[in-house]
């Protein structure tokens, strides 16, 4: 699929499909993290701290979304420290129907796979870089669907950023259901250009 604007290609997508088949199976382990019930959500943070948050974080966290987010580690925006390039965030759809088709589940997983991925590239630079002083944008995004799952419960997005250079951050992610099954994998390269 090629999308054009004013005669120039601005988006390209390649898809491949398969039927469900039986075969060999293995997967990586889900990281050991706190369960969603032990964590606070973006909504909880917004309700508790609201206008005390920096403007860029306030604007980001206050936006209405069809998802609830519970990061396993909450970075303090007032501490100017760098973090490891790893993030784990539980995500749950606010309104998911038990009878979703596999195609609809894939659409929803693709939608949520764009959250919390690129931000992981900023973590090693958090003492100086944030959404207020850095131009960020997804440049390319790939997703592989491995297993069917129930989207009525929390899913975990585990992301690591092996590299950032030349104003681009590379990230790879694994999405698990609460039972620890790897349901899909994601890679994303994104722009992370300091604003001068």
N, C-alpha and C. Protein backbone atom coordinates (compact mmCIF):
# COMPACT_ATOMS: atom_id res chain seq x y z
N UNK A 1 0.86 -1.17 0.00
CA UNK A 1 0.00 0.00 0.00
C UNK A 1 0.90 1.22 0.00
N UNK A 2 0.65 2.16 -0.91
CA UNK A 2 1.39 3.42 -0.95
C UNK A 2 0.39 4.56 -0.87
N UNK A 3 0.56 5.43 0.12
CA UNK A 3 -0.29 6.63 0.24
C UNK A 3 0.51 7.81 -0.28
N UNK A 4 -0.15 8.62 -1.11
CA UNK A 4 0.53 9.78 -1.71
C UNK A 4 -0.19 11.06 -1.31
N UNK A 5 0.61 12.10 -1.20
CA UNK A 5 0.08 13.42 -0.93
C UNK A 5 0.77 14.39 -1.89
N UNK A 6 -0.02 15.12 -2.66
CA UNK A 6 0.52 16.02 -3.67
C UNK A 6 1.51 15.29 -4.59
N UNK A 7 1.18 14.05 -4.96
CA UNK A 7 1.99 13.29 -5.89
C UNK A 7 3.22 12.62 -5.30
N UNK A 8 3.48 12.82 -4.00
CA UNK A 8 4.66 12.22 -3.37
C UNK A 8 4.23 11.15 -2.37
N UNK A 9 4.96 10.04 -2.37
CA UNK A 9 4.68 8.96 -1.42
C UNK A 9 5.03 9.43 -0.01
N UNK A 10 4.06 9.34 0.91
CA UNK A 10 4.30 9.73 2.31
C UNK A 10 4.17 8.55 3.26
N UNK A 11 3.68 7.42 2.76
CA UNK A 11 3.47 6.26 3.61
C UNK A 11 3.50 5.02 2.75
N UNK A 12 4.17 3.97 3.26
CA UNK A 12 4.16 2.68 2.57
C UNK A 12 3.91 1.59 3.60
N UNK A 13 3.12 0.62 3.23
CA UNK A 13 2.83 -0.50 4.13
C UNK A 13 2.90 -1.79 3.34
N UNK A 14 3.56 -2.78 3.93
CA UNK A 14 3.60 -4.12 3.35
C UNK A 14 2.99 -5.08 4.36
N UNK A 15 2.10 -5.94 3.90
CA UNK A 15 1.42 -6.90 4.78
C UNK A 15 1.56 -8.30 4.21
N UNK A 16 1.63 -9.27 5.10
CA UNK A 16 1.55 -10.66 4.67
C UNK A 16 0.61 -11.38 5.62
N UNK A 17 -0.04 -12.41 5.13
CA UNK A 17 -1.08 -13.09 5.89
C UNK A 17 -0.83 -14.60 5.89
N UNK A 18 -1.41 -15.27 6.89
CA UNK A 18 -1.31 -16.72 6.93
C UNK A 18 -2.55 -17.28 7.61
N UNK A 19 -2.82 -18.55 7.33
CA UNK A 19 -3.89 -19.22 8.04
C UNK A 19 -3.30 -19.85 9.31
N UNK A 20 -4.14 -20.09 10.29
CA UNK A 20 -3.67 -20.68 11.55
C UNK A 20 -3.32 -22.15 11.30
N UNK A 21 -2.12 -22.55 11.78
CA UNK A 21 -1.64 -23.90 11.56
C UNK A 21 -0.94 -24.42 12.82
N UNK A 22 -0.87 -25.73 12.96
CA UNK A 22 -0.14 -26.31 14.08
C UNK A 22 1.31 -26.52 13.69
N UNK A 23 2.23 -26.32 14.65
CA UNK A 23 3.65 -26.50 14.39
C UNK A 23 4.44 -26.38 15.67
N UNK A 24 5.74 -26.27 15.55
CA UNK A 24 6.61 -26.13 16.72
C UNK A 24 6.36 -24.79 17.39
N UNK A 25 6.53 -24.75 18.72
CA UNK A 25 6.32 -23.50 19.44
C UNK A 25 7.39 -23.29 20.50
N UNK A 26 7.83 -22.06 20.64
CA UNK A 26 8.64 -21.63 21.77
C UNK A 26 8.48 -20.12 21.87
N UNK A 27 8.90 -19.55 22.97
CA UNK A 27 8.83 -18.10 23.15
C UNK A 27 9.77 -17.69 24.27
N UNK A 28 10.10 -16.39 24.30
CA UNK A 28 10.87 -15.84 25.41
C UNK A 28 9.96 -15.71 26.63
N UNK A 29 10.56 -15.61 27.81
CA UNK A 29 9.77 -15.44 29.03
C UNK A 29 9.34 -13.98 29.19
N UNK A 30 8.18 -13.82 29.77
CA UNK A 30 7.72 -12.48 30.12
C UNK A 30 8.56 -11.98 31.29
N UNK A 31 8.95 -10.70 31.31
CA UNK A 31 9.73 -10.21 32.45
C UNK A 31 8.91 -10.28 33.73
N UNK A 32 9.58 -10.43 34.84
CA UNK A 32 8.91 -10.44 36.14
C UNK A 32 8.69 -8.99 36.58
N UNK A 33 7.43 -8.59 36.61
CA UNK A 33 7.07 -7.22 36.98
C UNK A 33 5.89 -7.25 37.92
N UNK A 34 5.61 -6.11 38.56
CA UNK A 34 4.42 -6.00 39.41
C UNK A 34 3.17 -6.17 38.55
N UNK A 35 2.13 -6.71 39.16
CA UNK A 35 0.86 -6.89 38.48
C UNK A 35 0.10 -5.55 38.43
N UNK A 36 -0.82 -5.39 37.48
CA UNK A 36 -1.52 -4.12 37.33
C UNK A 36 -2.21 -3.63 38.60
N UNK A 37 -2.72 -4.55 39.40
CA UNK A 37 -3.43 -4.16 40.63
C UNK A 37 -2.51 -3.50 41.66
N UNK A 38 -1.20 -3.67 41.51
CA UNK A 38 -0.22 -3.09 42.43
C UNK A 38 0.29 -1.72 41.96
N UNK A 39 -0.19 -1.25 40.80
CA UNK A 39 0.38 -0.06 40.18
C UNK A 39 -0.65 1.06 40.04
N UNK A 40 -0.16 2.27 39.84
CA UNK A 40 -1.05 3.40 39.56
C UNK A 40 -1.08 3.64 38.05
N UNK A 41 -2.18 4.16 37.58
CA UNK A 41 -2.36 4.40 36.14
C UNK A 41 -2.05 5.85 35.80
N UNK A 42 -1.97 6.12 34.49
CA UNK A 42 -1.81 7.51 34.05
C UNK A 42 -2.97 8.35 34.56
N UNK A 43 -4.18 7.78 34.56
CA UNK A 43 -5.35 8.50 35.07
C UNK A 43 -5.17 8.83 36.54
N UNK A 44 -4.69 7.88 37.34
CA UNK A 44 -4.44 8.13 38.77
C UNK A 44 -3.43 9.25 38.96
N UNK A 45 -2.36 9.24 38.16
CA UNK A 45 -1.33 10.27 38.27
C UNK A 45 -1.92 11.63 37.92
N UNK A 46 -2.71 11.68 36.86
CA UNK A 46 -3.32 12.94 36.44
C UNK A 46 -4.25 13.47 37.52
N UNK A 47 -5.08 12.57 38.08
CA UNK A 47 -6.02 13.00 39.12
C UNK A 47 -5.30 13.45 40.39
N UNK A 48 -4.17 12.83 40.70
CA UNK A 48 -3.45 13.18 41.93
C UNK A 48 -2.58 14.42 41.78
N UNK A 49 -1.92 14.57 40.62
CA UNK A 49 -0.94 15.66 40.49
C UNK A 49 -1.37 16.76 39.51
N UNK A 50 -2.26 16.42 38.56
CA UNK A 50 -2.83 17.39 37.65
C UNK A 50 -1.92 18.52 37.21
N UNK A 51 -2.26 19.73 37.59
CA UNK A 51 -1.55 20.92 37.14
C UNK A 51 -0.15 21.06 37.72
N UNK A 52 0.25 20.20 38.66
CA UNK A 52 1.62 20.24 39.18
C UNK A 52 2.62 19.64 38.18
N UNK A 53 2.09 18.90 37.21
CA UNK A 53 2.95 18.26 36.22
C UNK A 53 3.46 19.29 35.21
N UNK A 54 4.67 19.07 34.65
CA UNK A 54 5.14 19.94 33.57
C UNK A 54 4.12 19.95 32.44
N UNK A 55 3.99 21.07 31.73
CA UNK A 55 2.96 21.25 30.72
C UNK A 55 2.95 20.14 29.68
N UNK A 56 4.13 19.75 29.17
CA UNK A 56 4.17 18.73 28.13
C UNK A 56 3.64 17.39 28.64
N UNK A 57 3.94 17.05 29.89
CA UNK A 57 3.45 15.79 30.48
C UNK A 57 1.96 15.92 30.77
N UNK A 58 1.54 17.08 31.28
CA UNK A 58 0.12 17.32 31.57
C UNK A 58 -0.70 17.14 30.29
N UNK A 59 -0.26 17.76 29.19
CA UNK A 59 -1.00 17.66 27.93
C UNK A 59 -1.05 16.23 27.42
N UNK A 60 0.05 15.50 27.57
CA UNK A 60 0.11 14.12 27.09
C UNK A 60 -0.78 13.21 27.93
N UNK A 61 -0.69 13.35 29.24
CA UNK A 61 -1.38 12.41 30.13
C UNK A 61 -2.88 12.71 30.27
N UNK A 62 -3.27 13.95 29.95
CA UNK A 62 -4.68 14.33 30.11
C UNK A 62 -5.52 13.99 28.88
N UNK A 63 -4.89 13.61 27.78
CA UNK A 63 -5.64 13.29 26.55
C UNK A 63 -6.53 12.07 26.77
N UNK A 64 -7.74 12.13 26.21
CA UNK A 64 -8.64 10.98 26.30
C UNK A 64 -8.18 9.89 25.37
N UNK A 65 -8.16 8.66 25.87
CA UNK A 65 -7.73 7.51 25.08
C UNK A 65 -8.64 6.32 25.37
N UNK A 66 -8.71 5.38 24.44
CA UNK A 66 -9.52 4.18 24.69
C UNK A 66 -8.78 3.14 25.52
N UNK A 67 -7.63 3.52 26.10
CA UNK A 67 -6.78 2.59 26.84
C UNK A 67 -6.46 3.14 28.21
N UNK A 68 -6.20 2.25 29.14
CA UNK A 68 -5.67 2.62 30.46
C UNK A 68 -4.24 2.11 30.51
N UNK A 69 -3.33 2.91 31.07
CA UNK A 69 -1.91 2.57 31.13
C UNK A 69 -1.45 2.51 32.58
N UNK A 70 -0.66 1.48 32.90
CA UNK A 70 -0.04 1.37 34.22
C UNK A 70 1.43 1.02 34.04
N UNK A 71 2.31 2.04 34.04
CA UNK A 71 3.74 1.75 33.92
C UNK A 71 4.25 1.08 35.19
N UNK A 72 5.21 0.17 35.04
CA UNK A 72 5.76 -0.51 36.22
C UNK A 72 6.75 0.38 36.97
N UNK A 73 7.31 1.37 36.27
CA UNK A 73 8.19 2.36 36.89
C UNK A 73 7.72 3.72 36.41
N UNK A 74 7.54 4.63 37.35
CA UNK A 74 7.14 5.99 36.99
C UNK A 74 8.34 6.90 37.20
N UNK A 75 8.78 7.50 36.10
CA UNK A 75 9.91 8.43 36.19
C UNK A 75 9.41 9.77 36.72
N UNK A 76 10.15 10.33 37.66
CA UNK A 76 9.82 11.63 38.22
C UNK A 76 10.32 12.70 37.25
N UNK A 77 9.43 13.51 36.65
CA UNK A 77 9.87 14.49 35.66
C UNK A 77 10.71 15.62 36.26
N UNK A 78 10.69 15.75 37.60
CA UNK A 78 11.45 16.82 38.25
C UNK A 78 12.86 16.38 38.62
N UNK A 79 13.11 15.06 38.57
CA UNK A 79 14.47 14.56 38.80
C UNK A 79 15.18 14.51 37.47
N UNK A 80 16.30 15.13 37.38
CA UNK A 80 17.05 15.15 36.13
C UNK A 80 18.05 14.00 36.14
N UNK A 81 17.53 12.78 35.91
CA UNK A 81 18.37 11.59 35.89
C UNK A 81 18.08 10.79 34.63
N UNK A 82 19.05 9.99 34.22
CA UNK A 82 18.89 9.10 33.08
C UNK A 82 18.50 7.71 33.57
N UNK A 83 17.79 6.97 32.73
CA UNK A 83 17.29 5.64 33.10
C UNK A 83 17.81 4.60 32.10
N UNK A 84 17.67 3.36 32.47
CA UNK A 84 17.98 2.26 31.56
C UNK A 84 17.01 2.32 30.38
N UNK A 85 17.43 1.90 29.18
CA UNK A 85 16.55 1.96 28.01
C UNK A 85 15.57 0.79 27.94
N UNK A 86 14.83 0.60 29.04
CA UNK A 86 13.87 -0.50 29.13
C UNK A 86 12.60 0.03 29.79
N UNK A 87 11.45 -0.35 29.26
CA UNK A 87 10.19 0.03 29.89
C UNK A 87 9.21 -1.14 29.85
N UNK A 88 8.36 -1.18 30.86
CA UNK A 88 7.29 -2.17 30.95
C UNK A 88 6.02 -1.44 31.34
N UNK A 89 4.99 -1.58 30.53
CA UNK A 89 3.72 -0.90 30.80
C UNK A 89 2.57 -1.86 30.58
N UNK A 90 1.69 -1.95 31.57
CA UNK A 90 0.46 -2.72 31.41
C UNK A 90 -0.55 -1.83 30.69
N UNK A 91 -1.30 -2.41 29.76
CA UNK A 91 -2.32 -1.68 29.00
C UNK A 91 -3.60 -2.50 29.00
N UNK A 92 -4.72 -1.77 29.15
CA UNK A 92 -6.02 -2.44 29.06
C UNK A 92 -6.98 -1.55 28.28
N UNK A 93 -7.73 -2.16 27.38
CA UNK A 93 -8.72 -1.41 26.62
C UNK A 93 -9.90 -1.10 27.54
N UNK A 94 -10.40 0.13 27.45
CA UNK A 94 -11.52 0.53 28.31
C UNK A 94 -12.79 -0.23 27.98
N UNK A 95 -13.01 -0.50 26.71
CA UNK A 95 -14.22 -1.21 26.29
C UNK A 95 -13.85 -2.25 25.26
N UNK A 96 -13.59 -3.46 25.70
CA UNK A 96 -13.30 -4.56 24.78
C UNK A 96 -14.41 -5.59 24.89
N UNK A 97 -14.86 -6.08 23.77
CA UNK A 97 -15.94 -7.05 23.70
C UNK A 97 -15.35 -8.46 23.68
N UNK A 98 -15.95 -9.37 24.42
CA UNK A 98 -15.45 -10.76 24.48
C UNK A 98 -15.45 -11.43 23.10
N UNK A 99 -16.33 -11.01 22.19
CA UNK A 99 -16.50 -11.70 20.92
C UNK A 99 -15.80 -11.01 19.76
N UNK A 100 -14.63 -10.44 20.00
CA UNK A 100 -13.90 -9.76 18.93
C UNK A 100 -13.34 -10.79 17.95
N UNK A 101 -13.38 -10.45 16.68
CA UNK A 101 -12.77 -11.31 15.68
C UNK A 101 -11.25 -11.19 15.80
N UNK A 102 -10.53 -12.15 15.26
CA UNK A 102 -9.06 -12.10 15.29
C UNK A 102 -8.56 -10.87 14.52
N UNK A 103 -9.26 -10.49 13.45
CA UNK A 103 -8.86 -9.31 12.69
C UNK A 103 -8.99 -8.04 13.52
N UNK A 104 -10.08 -7.93 14.29
CA UNK A 104 -10.28 -6.75 15.14
C UNK A 104 -9.25 -6.72 16.26
N UNK A 105 -8.94 -7.88 16.82
CA UNK A 105 -7.90 -7.94 17.86
C UNK A 105 -6.57 -7.46 17.30
N UNK A 106 -6.24 -7.86 16.08
CA UNK A 106 -4.99 -7.43 15.46
C UNK A 106 -4.99 -5.92 15.24
N UNK A 107 -6.11 -5.37 14.83
CA UNK A 107 -6.20 -3.91 14.65
C UNK A 107 -5.97 -3.20 15.98
N UNK A 108 -6.59 -3.69 17.05
CA UNK A 108 -6.44 -3.07 18.37
C UNK A 108 -5.01 -3.20 18.89
N UNK A 109 -4.40 -4.37 18.69
CA UNK A 109 -3.02 -4.56 19.11
C UNK A 109 -2.08 -3.66 18.32
N UNK A 110 -2.32 -3.50 17.02
CA UNK A 110 -1.50 -2.60 16.22
C UNK A 110 -1.64 -1.17 16.73
N UNK A 111 -2.86 -0.78 17.07
CA UNK A 111 -3.10 0.57 17.60
C UNK A 111 -2.32 0.80 18.89
N UNK A 112 -2.44 -0.13 19.84
CA UNK A 112 -1.79 0.08 21.15
C UNK A 112 -0.29 -0.12 21.08
N UNK A 113 0.20 -0.78 20.02
CA UNK A 113 1.64 -1.04 19.93
C UNK A 113 2.45 0.21 19.64
N UNK A 114 1.80 1.30 19.32
CA UNK A 114 2.51 2.56 19.05
C UNK A 114 2.72 3.36 20.32
N UNK A 115 2.09 2.98 21.40
CA UNK A 115 2.25 3.67 22.69
C UNK A 115 3.45 3.12 23.44
N UNK A 116 4.17 3.97 24.13
CA UNK A 116 5.25 3.59 25.04
C UNK A 116 6.46 2.97 24.36
N UNK A 117 6.51 2.96 23.05
CA UNK A 117 7.64 2.35 22.36
C UNK A 117 8.75 3.37 22.15
N UNK A 118 8.47 4.41 21.38
CA UNK A 118 9.48 5.41 21.08
C UNK A 118 9.99 6.12 22.33
N UNK A 119 9.13 6.31 23.31
CA UNK A 119 9.55 6.99 24.56
C UNK A 119 10.68 6.25 25.25
N UNK A 120 10.81 4.95 25.02
CA UNK A 120 11.88 4.18 25.64
C UNK A 120 13.25 4.66 25.17
N UNK A 121 13.34 5.16 23.93
CA UNK A 121 14.61 5.70 23.42
C UNK A 121 15.05 6.95 24.16
N UNK A 122 14.09 7.66 24.76
CA UNK A 122 14.42 8.89 25.48
C UNK A 122 14.90 8.62 26.91
N UNK A 123 14.61 7.45 27.45
CA UNK A 123 14.94 7.17 28.86
C UNK A 123 16.42 7.35 29.20
N UNK A 124 17.38 6.89 28.36
CA UNK A 124 18.79 7.08 28.72
C UNK A 124 19.22 8.56 28.67
N UNK A 125 18.34 9.43 28.17
CA UNK A 125 18.65 10.85 28.02
C UNK A 125 17.67 11.72 28.82
N UNK A 126 16.96 11.10 29.77
CA UNK A 126 15.89 11.78 30.49
C UNK A 126 16.37 12.97 31.32
N UNK A 127 17.66 13.06 31.65
CA UNK A 127 18.16 14.20 32.41
C UNK A 127 18.10 15.48 31.59
N UNK A 128 18.04 15.34 30.27
CA UNK A 128 17.99 16.54 29.42
C UNK A 128 16.90 16.49 28.36
N UNK A 129 16.48 15.31 27.93
CA UNK A 129 15.51 15.19 26.84
C UNK A 129 14.12 14.84 27.38
N UNK A 130 13.11 15.50 26.83
CA UNK A 130 11.71 15.19 27.14
C UNK A 130 10.85 15.63 25.96
N UNK A 131 9.55 15.32 26.03
CA UNK A 131 8.67 15.62 24.91
C UNK A 131 8.53 17.13 24.65
N UNK A 132 8.85 17.95 25.63
CA UNK A 132 8.75 19.40 25.46
C UNK A 132 9.91 19.99 24.68
N UNK A 133 11.08 19.33 24.69
CA UNK A 133 12.25 19.91 23.99
C UNK A 133 12.83 18.98 22.92
N UNK A 134 12.05 17.95 22.56
CA UNK A 134 12.52 16.98 21.57
C UNK A 134 11.41 16.72 20.56
N UNK A 135 11.75 16.81 19.29
CA UNK A 135 10.80 16.47 18.24
C UNK A 135 10.80 14.96 18.08
N UNK A 136 9.65 14.33 18.32
CA UNK A 136 9.55 12.88 18.22
C UNK A 136 8.48 12.50 17.21
N UNK A 137 8.75 11.46 16.46
CA UNK A 137 7.78 10.95 15.49
C UNK A 137 8.18 9.54 15.10
N UNK A 138 7.18 8.70 14.93
CA UNK A 138 7.43 7.34 14.45
C UNK A 138 7.80 7.39 12.98
N UNK A 139 8.90 6.76 12.62
CA UNK A 139 9.34 6.72 11.23
C UNK A 139 8.98 5.40 10.56
N UNK A 140 9.20 4.31 11.26
CA UNK A 140 8.76 3.03 10.74
C UNK A 140 8.38 2.13 11.89
N UNK A 141 7.46 1.24 11.61
CA UNK A 141 6.85 0.44 12.67
C UNK A 141 6.48 -0.91 12.05
N UNK A 142 6.91 -1.98 12.70
CA UNK A 142 6.57 -3.32 12.23
C UNK A 142 5.97 -4.11 13.38
N UNK A 143 5.05 -4.98 13.06
CA UNK A 143 4.42 -5.81 14.09
C UNK A 143 4.21 -7.22 13.54
N UNK A 144 4.45 -8.21 14.38
CA UNK A 144 4.24 -9.61 14.05
C UNK A 144 3.28 -10.19 15.08
N UNK A 145 2.22 -10.82 14.63
CA UNK A 145 1.22 -11.41 15.51
C UNK A 145 1.54 -12.89 15.69
N UNK A 146 1.66 -13.34 16.93
CA UNK A 146 2.05 -14.73 17.20
C UNK A 146 0.90 -15.61 17.70
N UNK A 147 0.11 -15.09 18.64
CA UNK A 147 -0.92 -15.90 19.26
C UNK A 147 -2.19 -15.08 19.47
N UNK A 148 -3.32 -15.77 19.41
CA UNK A 148 -4.60 -15.13 19.71
C UNK A 148 -4.71 -14.95 21.23
N UNK A 149 -5.43 -13.93 21.67
CA UNK A 149 -5.56 -13.70 23.10
C UNK A 149 -6.85 -12.97 23.40
N UNK A 150 -7.21 -12.93 24.66
CA UNK A 150 -8.38 -12.20 25.15
C UNK A 150 -7.93 -10.77 25.47
N UNK A 151 -8.56 -9.77 24.87
CA UNK A 151 -8.17 -8.39 25.13
C UNK A 151 -9.03 -7.73 26.21
N UNK A 152 -9.78 -8.53 26.97
CA UNK A 152 -10.56 -7.98 28.07
C UNK A 152 -9.72 -7.81 29.33
N UNK A 153 -8.51 -8.36 29.34
CA UNK A 153 -7.63 -8.27 30.50
C UNK A 153 -6.41 -7.43 30.12
N UNK A 154 -5.57 -7.17 31.12
CA UNK A 154 -4.35 -6.39 30.91
C UNK A 154 -3.37 -7.14 30.03
N UNK A 155 -2.63 -6.38 29.20
CA UNK A 155 -1.52 -6.91 28.43
C UNK A 155 -0.28 -6.09 28.78
N UNK A 156 0.88 -6.71 28.72
CA UNK A 156 2.13 -6.05 29.08
C UNK A 156 2.94 -5.76 27.83
N UNK A 157 3.36 -4.48 27.69
CA UNK A 157 4.27 -4.11 26.61
C UNK A 157 5.65 -3.91 27.22
N UNK A 158 6.56 -4.80 26.85
CA UNK A 158 7.96 -4.76 27.30
C UNK A 158 8.79 -4.23 26.14
N UNK A 159 9.49 -3.11 26.36
CA UNK A 159 10.25 -2.46 25.29
C UNK A 159 11.68 -2.23 25.73
N UNK A 160 12.61 -2.45 24.81
CA UNK A 160 14.00 -2.04 25.06
C UNK A 160 14.49 -1.28 23.83
N UNK A 161 15.39 -0.33 24.09
CA UNK A 161 15.97 0.46 23.01
C UNK A 161 17.46 0.16 22.94
N UNK A 162 17.87 -0.72 22.00
CA UNK A 162 19.29 -1.09 21.91
C UNK A 162 20.19 0.03 21.41
N UNK A 163 19.61 1.02 20.68
CA UNK A 163 20.47 2.03 20.08
C UNK A 163 19.71 3.31 19.77
N UNK A 164 20.42 4.43 19.89
CA UNK A 164 19.94 5.72 19.39
C UNK A 164 21.15 6.44 18.81
N UNK A 165 21.00 6.98 17.60
CA UNK A 165 22.08 7.74 16.97
C UNK A 165 21.50 8.52 15.80
N UNK A 166 22.18 9.60 15.43
CA UNK A 166 21.80 10.37 14.25
C UNK A 166 20.33 10.82 14.32
N UNK A 167 19.88 11.23 15.49
CA UNK A 167 18.52 11.71 15.80
C UNK A 167 17.44 10.63 15.64
N UNK A 168 17.85 9.36 15.67
CA UNK A 168 16.87 8.28 15.56
C UNK A 168 17.07 7.28 16.70
N UNK A 169 15.95 6.81 17.24
CA UNK A 169 15.99 5.80 18.27
C UNK A 169 15.36 4.52 17.76
N UNK A 170 16.02 3.40 18.03
CA UNK A 170 15.51 2.10 17.61
C UNK A 170 14.99 1.36 18.84
N UNK A 171 13.81 0.75 18.71
CA UNK A 171 13.16 0.06 19.81
C UNK A 171 12.61 -1.27 19.35
N UNK A 172 12.63 -2.24 20.26
CA UNK A 172 11.97 -3.52 19.97
C UNK A 172 11.15 -3.89 21.19
N UNK A 173 9.96 -4.42 20.92
CA UNK A 173 9.04 -4.71 22.00
C UNK A 173 8.40 -6.07 21.90
N UNK A 174 7.98 -6.57 23.05
CA UNK A 174 7.26 -7.84 23.15
C UNK A 174 5.97 -7.56 23.92
N UNK A 175 4.86 -8.04 23.41
CA UNK A 175 3.57 -7.83 24.07
C UNK A 175 3.07 -9.18 24.56
N UNK A 176 2.84 -9.25 25.87
CA UNK A 176 2.42 -10.48 26.53
C UNK A 176 1.01 -10.32 27.10
N UNK A 177 0.26 -11.44 27.15
CA UNK A 177 -0.98 -11.40 27.93
C UNK A 177 -0.62 -11.69 29.39
N UNK A 178 -1.58 -11.57 30.28
CA UNK A 178 -1.29 -11.73 31.70
C UNK A 178 -0.79 -13.13 32.03
N UNK A 179 -1.14 -14.12 31.23
CA UNK A 179 -0.68 -15.49 31.45
C UNK A 179 0.78 -15.69 31.04
N UNK A 180 1.38 -14.67 30.43
CA UNK A 180 2.77 -14.76 30.02
C UNK A 180 2.98 -15.23 28.60
N UNK A 181 1.89 -15.38 27.83
CA UNK A 181 2.03 -15.78 26.43
C UNK A 181 2.46 -14.57 25.60
N UNK A 182 3.45 -14.76 24.73
CA UNK A 182 3.89 -13.72 23.82
C UNK A 182 2.88 -13.64 22.68
N UNK A 183 2.12 -12.53 22.63
CA UNK A 183 1.06 -12.45 21.63
C UNK A 183 1.50 -11.70 20.38
N UNK A 184 2.43 -10.77 20.51
CA UNK A 184 2.99 -10.13 19.32
C UNK A 184 4.32 -9.46 19.64
N UNK A 185 5.07 -9.15 18.58
CA UNK A 185 6.36 -8.48 18.70
C UNK A 185 6.32 -7.22 17.83
N UNK A 186 7.08 -6.21 18.26
CA UNK A 186 7.04 -4.91 17.61
C UNK A 186 8.46 -4.39 17.46
N UNK A 187 8.74 -3.70 16.36
CA UNK A 187 9.95 -2.89 16.25
C UNK A 187 9.52 -1.51 15.77
N UNK A 188 10.28 -0.51 16.19
CA UNK A 188 9.97 0.85 15.76
C UNK A 188 11.23 1.68 15.77
N UNK A 189 11.44 2.43 14.69
CA UNK A 189 12.48 3.44 14.67
C UNK A 189 11.76 4.78 14.65
N UNK A 190 12.26 5.71 15.46
CA UNK A 190 11.60 7.00 15.52
C UNK A 190 12.57 8.14 15.56
N UNK A 191 12.06 9.28 15.15
CA UNK A 191 12.82 10.53 15.21
C UNK A 191 12.84 11.00 16.67
N UNK A 192 14.00 11.43 17.16
CA UNK A 192 14.13 12.04 18.49
C UNK A 192 15.15 13.17 18.39
N UNK A 193 14.75 14.24 17.71
CA UNK A 193 15.64 15.35 17.39
C UNK A 193 15.50 16.46 18.44
N UNK A 194 16.62 16.85 19.07
CA UNK A 194 16.54 17.97 20.01
C UNK A 194 16.06 19.23 19.31
N UNK A 195 15.15 19.96 19.95
CA UNK A 195 14.66 21.23 19.40
C UNK A 195 15.59 22.33 19.86
N UNK A 196 16.13 23.08 18.90
CA UNK A 196 17.07 24.15 19.24
C UNK A 196 16.40 25.49 19.19
